[in-house]
Amino acid sequence: MSSLPLAAVEPVQRAAAFVAARSRGDREAAQALLADFADDGERVVAFCLLSELAIRLLADADGGDVDAIASRLAVQIAQAGSRDAGPLPDCLPPAV
């Protein structure tokens, strides 16, 4: 696994905690975690780095490469997007 800049560790951990809170249905914790980011830029970078780390973990576990995992993920996202699941969850900011 690659290393993270020291300044990114805490925001990336917060992004992972957000994902865990959403997974267990804890909307209040998820909202609080989103509110704790310094700004939108920090939030975007943290979630981008978390996504990259997660895809690398999947690639390592699968024995594949990052490109293959990212391609499979893109297909699954496209398939999920073809079925309207309704509005954004309460803990997410509205789409712009």
Protein backbone atom coordinates (compact mmCIF):
# COMPACT_ATOMS: atom_id res chain seq x y z
CA MET A 1 0.00 0.00 0.00
CA SER A 2 1.21 3.47 -0.77
CA SER A 3 1.86 6.05 1.89
CA LEU A 4 -0.25 9.11 2.59
CA PRO A 5 0.96 12.62 3.32
CA LEU A 6 0.79 13.11 7.07
CA ALA A 7 -1.73 15.95 6.69
CA ALA A 8 -4.09 13.59 4.82
CA VAL A 9 -4.18 10.77 7.38
CA GLU A 10 -6.78 12.25 9.72
CA PRO A 11 -9.17 13.44 6.96
CA VAL A 12 -8.95 10.04 5.21
CA GLN A 13 -9.66 8.29 8.51
CA ARG A 14 -12.67 10.59 8.96
CA ALA A 15 -13.89 9.67 5.46
CA ALA A 16 -13.58 5.97 6.33
CA ALA A 17 -15.47 6.57 9.58
CA PHE A 18 -18.21 8.28 7.54
CA VAL A 19 -18.53 5.20 5.33
CA ALA A 20 -18.72 2.98 8.42
CA ALA A 21 -21.36 5.20 10.04
CA ARG A 22 -23.49 5.11 6.88
CA SER A 23 -23.08 1.36 6.66
CA ARG A 24 -24.46 0.87 10.16
CA GLY A 25 -27.26 3.39 9.55
CA ASP A 26 -25.96 6.05 11.95
CA ARG A 27 -27.00 9.20 10.08
CA GLU A 28 -26.19 11.54 12.97
CA ALA A 29 -22.60 10.31 13.17
CA ALA A 30 -22.26 10.49 9.38
CA GLN A 31 -23.52 14.07 9.34
CA ALA A 32 -21.18 15.03 12.18
CA LEU A 33 -18.22 13.47 10.38
CA LEU A 34 -18.99 15.41 7.19
CA ALA A 35 -19.31 18.63 9.17
CA ASP A 36 -15.87 18.08 10.73
CA PHE A 37 -14.02 18.58 7.44
CA ALA A 38 -12.30 21.96 7.24
CA ASP A 39 -13.81 22.69 3.81
CA ASP A 40 -15.07 21.08 0.63
CA GLY A 41 -11.54 20.73 -0.74
CA GLU A 42 -10.37 18.71 2.25
CA ARG A 43 -13.48 16.53 1.98
CA VAL A 44 -12.95 15.87 -1.74
CA VAL A 45 -9.28 15.00 -1.33
CA ALA A 46 -10.02 12.72 1.65
CA PHE A 47 -12.70 10.77 -0.21
CA CYS A 48 -10.55 10.55 -3.35
CA LEU A 49 -7.63 9.14 -1.36
CA LEU A 50 -9.95 6.75 0.51
CA SER A 51 -11.36 5.52 -2.80
CA GLU A 52 -7.88 4.99 -4.19
CA LEU A 53 -6.81 3.05 -1.09
CA ALA A 54 -9.98 0.92 -1.15
CA ILE A 55 -9.53 0.06 -4.83
CA ARG A 56 -5.90 -0.88 -4.18
CA LEU A 57 -6.97 -3.12 -1.28
CA LEU A 58 -9.50 -4.83 -3.54
CA ALA A 59 -6.90 -5.27 -6.26
CA ASP A 60 -4.44 -6.78 -3.77
CA ALA A 61 -7.08 -9.15 -2.36
CA ASP A 62 -8.31 -10.09 -5.84
CA GLY A 63 -4.84 -10.59 -7.24
CA GLY A 64 -5.73 -8.20 -10.04
CA ASP A 65 -4.64 -4.74 -10.92
CA VAL A 66 -6.15 -1.37 -10.06
CA ASP A 67 -7.31 -0.74 -13.64
CA ALA A 68 -9.32 -3.98 -13.72
CA ILE A 69 -10.94 -3.28 -10.36
CA ALA A 70 -11.73 0.32 -11.34
CA SER A 71 -13.30 -0.91 -14.59
CA ARG A 72 -15.47 -3.45 -12.75
CA LEU A 73 -16.46 -0.77 -10.27
CA ALA A 74 -17.39 1.62 -13.09
CA VAL A 75 -19.67 -1.02 -14.62
CA GLN A 76 -21.36 -1.66 -11.28
CA ILE A 77 -21.86 2.08 -10.74
CA ALA A 78 -23.40 2.41 -14.20
CA GLN A 79 -25.74 -0.50 -13.51
CA ALA A 80 -26.73 0.90 -10.11
CA GLY A 81 -27.30 4.32 -11.66
CA SER A 82 -29.72 2.87 -14.17
CA ARG A 83 -32.11 2.09 -11.29
CA ASP A 84 -33.35 5.23 -9.54
CA ALA A 85 -32.93 4.67 -5.82
CA GLY A 86 -34.67 7.91 -4.92
CA PRO A 87 -33.31 11.06 -3.31
CA LEU A 88 -29.89 11.46 -1.73
CA PRO A 89 -29.64 10.16 1.84
CA ASP A 90 -30.20 12.75 4.58
CA CYS A 91 -26.56 12.73 5.64
CA LEU A 92 -25.32 13.84 2.23
CA PRO A 93 -25.34 17.46 1.09
CA PRO A 94 -27.71 18.18 -1.81
CA ALA A 95 -26.32 17.80 -5.31
CA VAL A 96 -25.29 20.97 -7.06
